[in-house]
């Protein structure tokens, strides 16, 4: 059974910023495909949260932190599975310094 997925404020802001970028730089069709990719990733994470990579959990020593890549877009959905829901921390471009971004956002 799928768990509900909750986006933290920073994750929603990450999605909004990427959407604004795609709208202005690539057009509304690409932006719509981006939103579709986010939706599919969130659905997948809700159904199979244990499939995400633990790479950053080990690197940052944050237990259970997982990431899932968006299809055809250079973004990772960073999340933690809780007992009753999936907690999405961030949606980050793969060219960002993901470890320092996560550490900085965790301190906020």
PDB file of N, CA and C in Angstrom:
ATOM      1  N   UNK A   1       0.841  -1.187   0.000  1.00  0.00           N
ATOM      2  CA  UNK A   1       0.000   0.000   0.000  1.00  0.00           C
ATOM      3  C   UNK A   1       0.887   1.251   0.000  1.00  0.00           C
ATOM      4  N   UNK A   2       0.532   2.202  -0.811  1.00  0.00           N
ATOM      5  CA  UNK A   2       1.320   3.432  -0.944  1.00  0.00           C
ATOM      6  C   UNK A   2       1.141   4.324   0.282  1.00  0.00           C
ATOM      7  N   UNK A   3       2.227   4.990   0.630  1.00  0.00           N
ATOM      8  CA  UNK A   3       2.183   5.970   1.718  1.00  0.00           C
ATOM      9  C   UNK A   3       1.986   7.353   1.120  1.00  0.00           C
ATOM     10  N   UNK A   4       1.324   8.246   1.840  1.00  0.00           N
ATOM     11  CA  UNK A   4       1.214   9.624   1.358  1.00  0.00           C
ATOM     12  C   UNK A   4       2.591  10.285   1.346  1.00  0.00           C
ATOM     13  N   UNK A   5       2.756  11.200   0.412  1.00  0.00           N
ATOM     14  CA  UNK A   5       4.016  11.920   0.264  1.00  0.00           C
ATOM     15  C   UNK A   5       3.782  13.372   0.637  1.00  0.00           C
ATOM     16  N   UNK A   6       4.610  13.865   1.569  1.00  0.00           N
ATOM     17  CA  UNK A   6       4.503  15.255   2.027  1.00  0.00           C
ATOM     18  C   UNK A   6       5.754  16.007   1.588  1.00  0.00           C
ATOM     19  N   UNK A   7       5.546  17.118   0.907  1.00  0.00           N
ATOM     20  CA  UNK A   7       6.661  17.975   0.496  1.00  0.00           C
ATOM     21  C   UNK A   7       6.928  19.014   1.574  1.00  0.00           C
ATOM     22  N   UNK A   8       8.162  19.114   1.991  1.00  0.00           N
ATOM     23  CA  UNK A   8       8.536  20.220   2.868  1.00  0.00           C
ATOM     24  C   UNK A   8       8.508  21.515   2.059  1.00  0.00           C
ATOM     25  N   UNK A   9       8.477  22.630   2.757  1.00  0.00           N
ATOM     26  CA  UNK A   9       8.430  23.938   2.103  1.00  0.00           C
ATOM     27  C   UNK A   9       9.591  24.097   1.120  1.00  0.00           C
ATOM     28  N   UNK A  10      10.797  23.714   1.516  1.00  0.00           N
ATOM     29  CA  UNK A  10      11.958  23.867   0.626  1.00  0.00           C
ATOM     30  C   UNK A  10      11.836  22.998  -0.622  1.00  0.00           C
ATOM     31  N   UNK A  11      11.260  21.816  -0.501  1.00  0.00           N
ATOM     32  CA  UNK A  11      11.060  20.956  -1.678  1.00  0.00           C
ATOM     33  C   UNK A  11      10.081  21.617  -2.652  1.00  0.00           C
ATOM     34  N   UNK A  12       8.999  22.174  -2.128  1.00  0.00           N
ATOM     35  CA  UNK A  12       8.030  22.866  -2.983  1.00  0.00           C
ATOM     36  C   UNK A  12       8.674  24.081  -3.652  1.00  0.00           C
ATOM     37  N   UNK A  13       9.517  24.800  -2.916  1.00  0.00           N
ATOM     38  CA  UNK A  13      10.225  25.948  -3.496  1.00  0.00           C
ATOM     39  C   UNK A  13      11.211  25.501  -4.576  1.00  0.00           C
ATOM     40  N   UNK A  14      11.873  24.361  -4.366  1.00  0.00           N
ATOM     41  CA  UNK A  14      12.778  23.819  -5.387  1.00  0.00           C
ATOM     42  C   UNK A  14      12.020  23.523  -6.677  1.00  0.00           C
ATOM     43  N   UNK A  15      10.857  22.905  -6.551  1.00  0.00           N
ATOM     44  CA  UNK A  15      10.042  22.572  -7.721  1.00  0.00           C
ATOM     45  C   UNK A  15       9.579  23.840  -8.413  1.00  0.00           C
ATOM     46  N   UNK A  16       9.119  24.821  -7.647  1.00  0.00           N
ATOM     47  CA  UNK A  16       8.667  26.093  -8.231  1.00  0.00           C
ATOM     48  C   UNK A  16       9.796  26.796  -8.979  1.00  0.00           C
ATOM     49  N   UNK A  17      10.998  26.807  -8.403  1.00  0.00           N
ATOM     50  CA  UNK A  17      12.145  27.459  -9.052  1.00  0.00           C
ATOM     51  C   UNK A  17      12.511  26.754 -10.353  1.00  0.00           C
ATOM     52  N   UNK A  18      12.513  25.429 -10.338  1.00  0.00           N
ATOM     53  CA  UNK A  18      12.821  24.678 -11.557  1.00  0.00           C
ATOM     54  C   UNK A  18      11.745  24.909 -12.611  1.00  0.00           C
ATOM     55  N   UNK A  19      10.504  24.934 -12.177  1.00  0.00           N
ATOM     56  CA  UNK A  19       9.394  25.173 -13.103  1.00  0.00           C
ATOM     57  C   UNK A  19       9.513  26.555 -13.743  1.00  0.00           C
ATOM     58  N   UNK A  20       9.815  27.572 -12.953  1.00  0.00           N
ATOM     59  CA  UNK A  20      10.017  28.923 -13.487  1.00  0.00           C
ATOM     60  C   UNK A  20      11.151  28.937 -14.506  1.00  0.00           C
ATOM     61  N   UNK A  21      12.239  28.242 -14.178  1.00  0.00           N
ATOM     62  CA  UNK A  21      13.380  28.165 -15.091  1.00  0.00           C
ATOM     63  C   UNK A  21      12.971  27.512 -16.413  1.00  0.00           C
ATOM     64  N   UNK A  22      12.302  26.376 -16.347  1.00  0.00           N
ATOM     65  CA  UNK A  22      11.907  25.688 -17.587  1.00  0.00           C
ATOM     66  C   UNK A  22      10.900  26.506 -18.385  1.00  0.00           C
ATOM     67  N   UNK A  23       9.989  27.188 -17.718  1.00  0.00           N
ATOM     68  CA  UNK A  23       9.016  28.038 -18.435  1.00  0.00           C
ATOM     69  C   UNK A  23       9.723  29.150 -19.200  1.00  0.00           C
ATOM     70  N   UNK A  24      10.677  29.805 -18.558  1.00  0.00           N
ATOM     71  CA  UNK A  24      11.337  30.950 -19.197  1.00  0.00           C
ATOM     72  C   UNK A  24      12.406  30.536 -20.199  1.00  0.00           C
ATOM     73  N   UNK A  25      13.087  29.430 -19.946  1.00  0.00           N
ATOM     74  CA  UNK A  25      14.209  29.039 -20.805  1.00  0.00           C
ATOM     75  C   UNK A  25      13.856  28.003 -21.867  1.00  0.00           C
ATOM     76  N   UNK A  26      12.871  27.157 -21.597  1.00  0.00           N
ATOM     77  CA  UNK A  26      12.594  26.054 -22.521  1.00  0.00           C
ATOM     78  C   UNK A  26      11.144  25.999 -22.993  1.00  0.00           C
ATOM     79  N   UNK A  27      10.273  26.748 -22.355  1.00  0.00           N
ATOM     80  CA  UNK A  27       8.883  26.783 -22.784  1.00  0.00           C
ATOM     81  C   UNK A  27       7.960  25.952 -21.908  1.00  0.00           C
ATOM     82  N   UNK A  28       6.675  26.171 -22.122  1.00  0.00           N
ATOM     83  CA  UNK A  28       5.659  25.543 -21.289  1.00  0.00           C
ATOM     84  C   UNK A  28       5.564  24.028 -21.498  1.00  0.00           C
ATOM     85  N   UNK A  29       5.860  23.544 -22.698  1.00  0.00           N
ATOM     86  CA  UNK A  29       5.808  22.096 -22.928  1.00  0.00           C
ATOM     87  C   UNK A  29       6.846  21.370 -22.080  1.00  0.00           C
ATOM     88  N   UNK A  30       8.055  21.900 -22.044  1.00  0.00           N
ATOM     89  CA  UNK A  30       9.119  21.284 -21.224  1.00  0.00           C
ATOM     90  C   UNK A  30       8.767  21.407 -19.748  1.00  0.00           C
ATOM     91  N   UNK A  31       8.234  22.553 -19.349  1.00  0.00           N
ATOM     92  CA  UNK A  31       7.832  22.740 -17.956  1.00  0.00           C
ATOM     93  C   UNK A  31       6.755  21.726 -17.566  1.00  0.00           C
ATOM     94  N   UNK A  32       5.816  21.488 -18.452  1.00  0.00           N
ATOM     95  CA  UNK A  32       4.762  20.502 -18.182  1.00  0.00           C
ATOM     96  C   UNK A  32       5.351  19.094 -18.072  1.00  0.00           C
ATOM     97  N   UNK A  33       6.336  18.770 -18.909  1.00  0.00           N
ATOM     98  CA  UNK A  33       7.001  17.463 -18.813  1.00  0.00           C
ATOM     99  C   UNK A  33       7.759  17.333 -17.495  1.00  0.00           C
ATOM    100  N   UNK A  34       8.353  18.434 -17.043  1.00  0.00           N
ATOM    101  CA  UNK A  34       9.043  18.429 -15.758  1.00  0.00           C
ATOM    102  C   UNK A  34       8.054  18.113 -14.635  1.00  0.00           C
ATOM    103  N   UNK A  35       6.919  18.781 -14.623  1.00  0.00           N
ATOM    104  CA  UNK A  35       5.908  18.535 -13.589  1.00  0.00           C
ATOM    105  C   UNK A  35       5.425  17.094 -13.656  1.00  0.00           C
ATOM    106  N   UNK A  36       5.259  16.559 -14.863  1.00  0.00           N
ATOM    107  CA  UNK A  36       4.883  15.155 -15.002  1.00  0.00           C
ATOM    108  C   UNK A  36       5.929  14.226 -14.415  1.00  0.00           C
ATOM    109  N   UNK A  37       7.206  14.539 -14.652  1.00  0.00           N
ATOM    110  CA  UNK A  37       8.299  13.723 -14.105  1.00  0.00           C
ATOM    111  C   UNK A  37       8.311  13.775 -12.580  1.00  0.00           C
ATOM    112  N   UNK A  38       8.054  14.959 -12.023  1.00  0.00           N
ATOM    113  CA  UNK A  38       7.985  15.086 -10.562  1.00  0.00           C
ATOM    114  C   UNK A  38       6.827  14.240 -10.028  1.00  0.00           C
ATOM    115  N   UNK A  39       5.683  14.341 -10.672  1.00  0.00           N
ATOM    116  CA  UNK A  39       4.509  13.572 -10.239  1.00  0.00           C
ATOM    117  C   UNK A  39       4.747  12.070 -10.288  1.00  0.00           C
ATOM    118  N   UNK A  40       5.380  11.590 -11.356  1.00  0.00           N
ATOM    119  CA  UNK A  40       5.680  10.164 -11.475  1.00  0.00           C
ATOM    120  C   UNK A  40       6.677   9.719 -10.402  1.00  0.00           C
ATOM    121  N   UNK A  41       7.686  10.557 -10.135  1.00  0.00           N
ATOM    122  CA  UNK A  41       8.670  10.218  -9.108  1.00  0.00           C
ATOM    123  C   UNK A  41       8.010  10.143  -7.733  1.00  0.00           C
ATOM    124  N   UNK A  42       7.139  11.076  -7.431  1.00  0.00           N
ATOM    125  CA  UNK A  42       6.461  11.086  -6.143  1.00  0.00           C
ATOM    126  C   UNK A  42       5.560   9.861  -5.998  1.00  0.00           C
ATOM    127  N   UNK A  43       4.876   9.504  -7.058  1.00  0.00           N
ATOM    128  CA  UNK A  43       4.037   8.301  -7.025  1.00  0.00           C
ATOM    129  C   UNK A  43       4.891   7.059  -6.779  1.00  0.00           C
ATOM    130  N   UNK A  44       6.011   6.969  -7.488  1.00  0.00           N
ATOM    131  CA  UNK A  44       6.918   5.823  -7.337  1.00  0.00           C
ATOM    132  C   UNK A  44       7.468   5.755  -5.909  1.00  0.00           C
ATOM    133  N   UNK A  45       7.888   6.889  -5.386  1.00  0.00           N
ATOM    134  CA  UNK A  45       8.431   6.931  -4.027  1.00  0.00           C
ATOM    135  C   UNK A  45       7.367   6.513  -3.007  1.00  0.00           C
ATOM    136  N   UNK A  46       6.157   6.970  -3.202  1.00  0.00           N
ATOM    137  CA  UNK A  46       5.074   6.591  -2.284  1.00  0.00           C
ATOM    138  C   UNK A  46       4.796   5.097  -2.290  1.00  0.00           C
ATOM    139  N   UNK A  47       4.926   4.477  -3.455  1.00  0.00           N
ATOM    140  CA  UNK A  47       4.662   3.040  -3.580  1.00  0.00           C
ATOM    141  C   UNK A  47       5.858   2.178  -3.191  1.00  0.00           C
ATOM    142  N   UNK A  48       7.060   2.651  -3.488  1.00  0.00           N
ATOM    143  CA  UNK A  48       8.276   1.865  -3.276  1.00  0.00           C
ATOM    144  C   UNK A  48       9.381   2.728  -2.663  1.00  0.00           C
ATOM    145  N   UNK A  49       9.189   3.207  -1.457  1.00  0.00           N
ATOM    146  CA  UNK A  49      10.164   4.137  -0.876  1.00  0.00           C
ATOM    147  C   UNK A  49      11.551   3.533  -0.661  1.00  0.00           C
ATOM    148  N   UNK A  50      11.615   2.242  -0.471  1.00  0.00           N
ATOM    149  CA  UNK A  50      12.894   1.586  -0.212  1.00  0.00           C
ATOM    150  C   UNK A  50      13.756   1.432  -1.461  1.00  0.00           C
ATOM    151  N   UNK A  51      13.250   1.784  -2.629  1.00  0.00           N
ATOM    152  CA  UNK A  51      14.012   1.660  -3.872  1.00  0.00           C
ATOM    153  C   UNK A  51      15.009   2.795  -4.091  1.00  0.00           C
ATOM    154  N   UNK A  52      14.853   3.892  -3.389  1.00  0.00           N
ATOM    155  CA  UNK A  52      15.751   5.032  -3.572  1.00  0.00           C
ATOM    156  C   UNK A  52      17.159   4.736  -3.073  1.00  0.00           C
ATOM    157  N   UNK A  53      18.115   5.433  -3.639  1.00  0.00           N
ATOM    158  CA  UNK A  53      19.515   5.264  -3.272  1.00  0.00           C
ATOM    159  C   UNK A  53      19.801   5.852  -1.894  1.00  0.00           C
ATOM    160  N   UNK A  54      20.651   5.165  -1.154  1.00  0.00           N
ATOM    161  CA  UNK A  54      21.089   5.632   0.172  1.00  0.00           C
ATOM    162  C   UNK A  54      22.434   6.353   0.110  1.00  0.00           C
ATOM    163  N   UNK A  55      22.888   6.692  -1.077  1.00  0.00           N
ATOM    164  CA  UNK A  55      24.209   7.296  -1.246  1.00  0.00           C
ATOM    165  C   UNK A  55      24.449   8.465  -0.288  1.00  0.00           C
ATOM    166  N   UNK A  56      23.525   9.411  -0.255  1.00  0.00           N
ATOM    167  CA  UNK A  56      23.719  10.594   0.580  1.00  0.00           C
ATOM    168  C   UNK A  56      23.514  10.298   2.059  1.00  0.00           C
ATOM    169  N   UNK A  57      22.770   9.257   2.397  1.00  0.00           N
ATOM    170  CA  UNK A  57      22.638   8.847   3.796  1.00  0.00           C
ATOM    171  C   UNK A  57      24.000   8.464   4.351  1.00  0.00           C
ATOM    172  N   UNK A  58      24.752   7.726   3.559  1.00  0.00           N
ATOM    173  CA  UNK A  58      26.092   7.318   3.991  1.00  0.00           C
ATOM    174  C   UNK A  58      27.057   8.508   3.984  1.00  0.00           C
ATOM    175  N   UNK A  59      26.973   9.291   2.926  1.00  0.00           N
ATOM    176  CA  UNK A  59      27.895  10.423   2.774  1.00  0.00           C
ATOM    177  C   UNK A  59      27.699  11.477   3.857  1.00  0.00           C
ATOM    178  N   UNK A  60      26.450  11.737   4.217  1.00  0.00           N
ATOM    179  CA  UNK A  60      26.132  12.799   5.174  1.00  0.00           C
ATOM    180  C   UNK A  60      25.810  12.284   6.573  1.00  0.00           C
ATOM    181  N   UNK A  61      25.814  10.967   6.715  1.00  0.00           N
ATOM    182  CA  UNK A  61      25.464  10.349   7.986  1.00  0.00           C
ATOM    183  C   UNK A  61      24.072  10.788   8.460  1.00  0.00           C
ATOM    184  N   UNK A  62      23.127  10.774   7.531  1.00  0.00           N
ATOM    185  CA  UNK A  62      21.722  11.064   7.829  1.00  0.00           C
ATOM    186  C   UNK A  62      20.969   9.755   7.601  1.00  0.00           C
ATOM    187  N   UNK A  63      20.621   9.041   8.674  1.00  0.00           N
ATOM    188  CA  UNK A  63      19.986   7.736   8.514  1.00  0.00           C
ATOM    189  C   UNK A  63      18.730   7.798   7.652  1.00  0.00           C
ATOM    190  N   UNK A  64      18.634   6.843   6.748  1.00  0.00           N
ATOM    191  CA  UNK A  64      17.440   6.637   5.919  1.00  0.00           C
ATOM    192  C   UNK A  64      17.187   7.703   4.860  1.00  0.00           C
ATOM    193  N   UNK A  65      18.103   8.645   4.678  1.00  0.00           N
ATOM    194  CA  UNK A  65      17.934   9.634   3.612  1.00  0.00           C
ATOM    195  C   UNK A  65      18.130   8.924   2.277  1.00  0.00           C
ATOM    196  N   UNK A  66      17.154   9.048   1.412  1.00  0.00           N
ATOM    197  CA  UNK A  66      17.204   8.409   0.097  1.00  0.00           C
ATOM    198  C   UNK A  66      17.014   9.453  -0.992  1.00  0.00           C
ATOM    199  N   UNK A  67      17.407   9.068  -2.208  1.00  0.00           N
ATOM    200  CA  UNK A  67      17.155   9.950  -3.348  1.00  0.00           C
ATOM    201  C   UNK A  67      16.649   9.124  -4.520  1.00  0.00           C
ATOM    202  N   UNK A  68      15.842   9.782  -5.330  1.00  0.00           N
ATOM    203  CA  UNK A  68      15.274   9.162  -6.522  1.00  0.00           C
ATOM    204  C   UNK A  68      15.430  10.149  -7.674  1.00  0.00           C
ATOM    205  N   UNK A  69      15.988   9.717  -8.815  1.00  0.00           N
ATOM    206  CA  UNK A  69      16.170  10.639  -9.938  1.00  0.00           C
ATOM    207  C   UNK A  69      14.884  10.837 -10.736  1.00  0.00           C
ATOM    208  N   UNK A  70      14.708  12.053 -11.236  1.00  0.00           N
ATOM    209  CA  UNK A  70      13.608  12.301 -12.163  1.00  0.00           C
ATOM    210  C   UNK A  70      13.994  11.737 -13.523  1.00  0.00           C
ATOM    211  N   UNK A  71      13.023  11.208 -14.227  1.00  0.00           N
ATOM    212  CA  UNK A  71      13.253  10.699 -15.567  1.00  0.00           C
ATOM    213  C   UNK A  71      13.401  11.866 -16.527  1.00  0.00           C
ATOM    214  N   UNK A  72      14.516  11.884 -17.262  1.00  0.00           N
ATOM    215  CA  UNK A  72      14.813  12.863 -18.308  1.00  0.00           C
ATOM    216  C   UNK A  72      15.047  14.293 -17.818  1.00  0.00           C
ATOM    217  N   UNK A  73      15.197  14.477 -16.533  1.00  0.00           N
ATOM    218  CA  UNK A  73      15.524  15.783 -15.981  1.00  0.00           C
ATOM    219  C   UNK A  73      16.615  15.580 -14.933  1.00  0.00           C
ATOM    220  N   UNK A  74      17.579  16.499 -14.855  1.00  0.00           N
ATOM    221  CA  UNK A  74      18.715  16.309 -13.948  1.00  0.00           C
ATOM    222  C   UNK A  74      18.417  16.740 -12.507  1.00  0.00           C
ATOM    223  N   UNK A  75      17.428  16.115 -11.909  1.00  0.00           N
ATOM    224  CA  UNK A  75      17.023  16.427 -10.539  1.00  0.00           C
ATOM    225  C   UNK A  75      16.907  15.160  -9.721  1.00  0.00           C
ATOM    226  N   UNK A  76      17.177  15.300  -8.426  1.00  0.00           N
ATOM    227  CA  UNK A  76      17.006  14.209  -7.467  1.00  0.00           C
ATOM    228  C   UNK A  76      15.986  14.615  -6.417  1.00  0.00           C
ATOM    229  N   UNK A  77      15.079  13.716  -6.115  1.00  0.00           N
ATOM    230  CA  UNK A  77      14.120  13.913  -5.031  1.00  0.00           C
ATOM    231  C   UNK A  77      14.763  13.303  -3.787  1.00  0.00           C
ATOM    232  N   UNK A  78      14.978  14.135  -2.775  1.00  0.00           N
ATOM    233  CA  UNK A  78      15.618  13.709  -1.525  1.00  0.00           C
ATOM    234  C   UNK A  78      14.521  13.512  -0.482  1.00  0.00           C
ATOM    235  N   UNK A  79      14.473  12.303   0.123  1.00  0.00           N
ATOM    236  CA  UNK A  79      13.364  12.002   1.023  1.00  0.00           C
ATOM    237  C   UNK A  79      13.759  11.011   2.110  1.00  0.00           C
ATOM    238  N   UNK A  80      12.897  10.941   3.129  1.00  0.00           N
ATOM    239  CA  UNK A  80      13.032   9.982   4.210  1.00  0.00           C
ATOM    240  C   UNK A  80      11.672   9.323   4.395  1.00  0.00           C
ATOM    241  N   UNK A  81      11.690   7.993   4.521  1.00  0.00           N
ATOM    242  CA  UNK A  81      10.455   7.266   4.796  1.00  0.00           C
ATOM    243  C   UNK A  81      10.169   7.321   6.290  1.00  0.00           C
ATOM    244  N   UNK A  82       8.981   7.750   6.635  1.00  0.00           N
ATOM    245  CA  UNK A  82       8.515   7.758   8.028  1.00  0.00           C
ATOM    246  C   UNK A  82       7.515   6.607   8.209  1.00  0.00           C
ATOM    247  N   UNK A  83       7.037   6.410   9.418  1.00  0.00           N
ATOM    248  CA  UNK A  83       6.081   5.326   9.667  1.00  0.00           C
ATOM    249  C   UNK A  83       4.795   5.481   8.859  1.00  0.00           C
ATOM    250  N   UNK A  84       4.312   6.713   8.738  1.00  0.00           N
ATOM    251  CA  UNK A  84       3.006   6.925   8.109  1.00  0.00           C
ATOM    252  C   UNK A  84       3.054   7.704   6.799  1.00  0.00           C
ATOM    253  N   UNK A  85       4.234   8.223   6.420  1.00  0.00           N
ATOM    254  CA  UNK A  85       4.326   9.046   5.216  1.00  0.00           C
ATOM    255  C   UNK A  85       5.745   9.080   4.688  1.00  0.00           C
ATOM    256  N   UNK A  86       5.881   9.653   3.500  1.00  0.00           N
ATOM    257  CA  UNK A  86       7.190   9.922   2.906  1.00  0.00           C
ATOM    258  C   UNK A  86       7.420  11.418   3.043  1.00  0.00           C
ATOM    259  N   UNK A  87       8.548  11.780   3.631  1.00  0.00           N
ATOM    260  CA  UNK A  87       8.900  13.173   3.903  1.00  0.00           C
ATOM    261  C   UNK A  87       9.927  13.622   2.862  1.00  0.00           C
ATOM    262  N   UNK A  88       9.487  14.417   1.884  1.00  0.00           N
ATOM    263  CA  UNK A  88      10.382  14.904   0.830  1.00  0.00           C
ATOM    264  C   UNK A  88      11.050  16.183   1.316  1.00  0.00           C
ATOM    265  N   UNK A  89      12.376  16.105   1.455  1.00  0.00           N
ATOM    266  CA  UNK A  89      13.142  17.235   1.962  1.00  0.00           C
ATOM    267  C   UNK A  89      13.419  18.269   0.891  1.00  0.00           C
ATOM    268  N   UNK A  90      13.947  17.811  -0.258  1.00  0.00           N
ATOM    269  CA  UNK A  90      14.372  18.735  -1.318  1.00  0.00           C
ATOM    270  C   UNK A  90      14.209  18.050  -2.667  1.00  0.00           C
ATOM    271  N   UNK A  91      14.169  18.862  -3.730  1.00  0.00           N
ATOM    272  CA  UNK A  91      14.233  18.395  -5.117  1.00  0.00           C
ATOM    273  C   UNK A  91      15.351  19.213  -5.745  1.00  0.00           C
ATOM    274  N   UNK A  92      16.533  18.593  -5.890  1.00  0.00           N
ATOM    275  CA  UNK A  92      17.744  19.336  -6.219  1.00  0.00           C
ATOM    276  C   UNK A  92      18.327  18.948  -7.566  1.00  0.00           C
ATOM    277  N   UNK A  93      18.829  19.954  -8.276  1.00  0.00           N
ATOM    278  CA  UNK A  93      19.520  19.734  -9.540  1.00  0.00           C
ATOM    279  C   UNK A  93      20.800  18.955  -9.259  1.00  0.00           C
ATOM    280  N   UNK A  94      21.133  18.034 -10.121  1.00  0.00           N
ATOM    281  CA  UNK A  94      22.295  17.175  -9.890  1.00  0.00           C
ATOM    282  C   UNK A  94      23.621  17.917  -9.975  1.00  0.00           C
ATOM    283  N   UNK A  95      23.637  19.103 -10.550  1.00  0.00           N
ATOM    284  CA  UNK A  95      24.880  19.879 -10.618  1.00  0.00           C
ATOM    285  C   UNK A  95      25.129  20.721  -9.369  1.00  0.00           C
ATOM    286  N   UNK A  96      24.163  20.760  -8.484  1.00  0.00           N
ATOM    287  CA  UNK A  96      24.367  21.483  -7.227  1.00  0.00           C
ATOM    288  C   UNK A  96      25.275  20.674  -6.328  1.00  0.00           C
ATOM    289  N   UNK A  97      25.840  21.349  -5.363  1.00  0.00           N
ATOM    290  CA  UNK A  97      26.590  20.661  -4.322  1.00  0.00           C
ATOM    291  C   UNK A  97      25.546  20.121  -3.349  1.00  0.00           C
ATOM    292  N   UNK A  98      25.057  18.949  -3.633  1.00  0.00           N
ATOM    293  CA  UNK A  98      23.945  18.383  -2.879  1.00  0.00           C
ATOM    294  C   UNK A  98      24.286  18.205  -1.404  1.00  0.00           C
ATOM    295  N   UNK A  99      25.433  17.648  -1.058  1.00  0.00           N
ATOM    296  CA  UNK A  99      25.726  17.509   0.382  1.00  0.00           C
ATOM    297  C   UNK A  99      25.675  18.827   1.151  1.00  0.00           C
ATOM    298  N   UNK A 100      26.319  19.871   0.642  1.00  0.00           N
ATOM    299  CA  UNK A 100      26.302  21.134   1.395  1.00  0.00           C
ATOM    300  C   UNK A 100      24.918  21.780   1.380  1.00  0.00           C
ATOM    301  N   UNK A 101      24.167  21.611   0.309  1.00  0.00           N
ATOM    302  CA  UNK A 101      22.809  22.156   0.249  1.00  0.00           C
ATOM    303  C   UNK A 101      21.919  21.485   1.283  1.00  0.00           C
ATOM    304  N   UNK A 102      22.039  20.173   1.413  1.00  0.00           N
ATOM    305  CA  UNK A 102      21.222  19.458   2.394  1.00  0.00           C
ATOM    306  C   UNK A 102      21.611  19.821   3.823  1.00  0.00           C
ATOM    307  N   UNK A 103      22.875  19.943   4.078  1.00  0.00           N
ATOM    308  CA  UNK A 103      23.335  20.311   5.416  1.00  0.00           C
ATOM    309  C   UNK A 103      22.857  21.716   5.742  1.00  0.00           C
ATOM    310  N   UNK A 104      22.976  22.649   4.793  1.00  0.00           N
ATOM    311  CA  UNK A 104      22.514  24.026   5.022  1.00  0.00           C
ATOM    312  C   UNK A 104      21.011  24.079   5.257  1.00  0.00           C
ATOM    313  N   UNK A 105      20.222  23.332   4.469  1.00  0.00           N
ATOM    314  CA  UNK A 105      18.776  23.386   4.623  1.00  0.00           C
ATOM    315  C   UNK A 105      18.336  22.675   5.897  1.00  0.00           C
ATOM    316  N   UNK A 106      19.105  21.697   6.367  1.00  0.00           N
ATOM    317  CA  UNK A 106      18.783  20.995   7.613  1.00  0.00           C
ATOM    318  C   UNK A 106      18.972  21.913   8.814  1.00  0.00           C
ATOM    319  N   UNK A 107      19.847  22.895   8.701  1.00  0.00           N
ATOM    320  CA  UNK A 107      20.103  23.821   9.798  1.00  0.00           C
ATOM    321  C   UNK A 107      19.071  24.928   9.878  1.00  0.00           C
ATOM    322  N   UNK A 108      18.253  25.087   8.852  1.00  0.00           N
ATOM    323  CA  UNK A 108      17.261  26.159   8.846  1.00  0.00           C
ATOM    324  C   UNK A 108      16.054  25.809   9.685  1.00  0.00           C
TER     325      UNK A 108
END
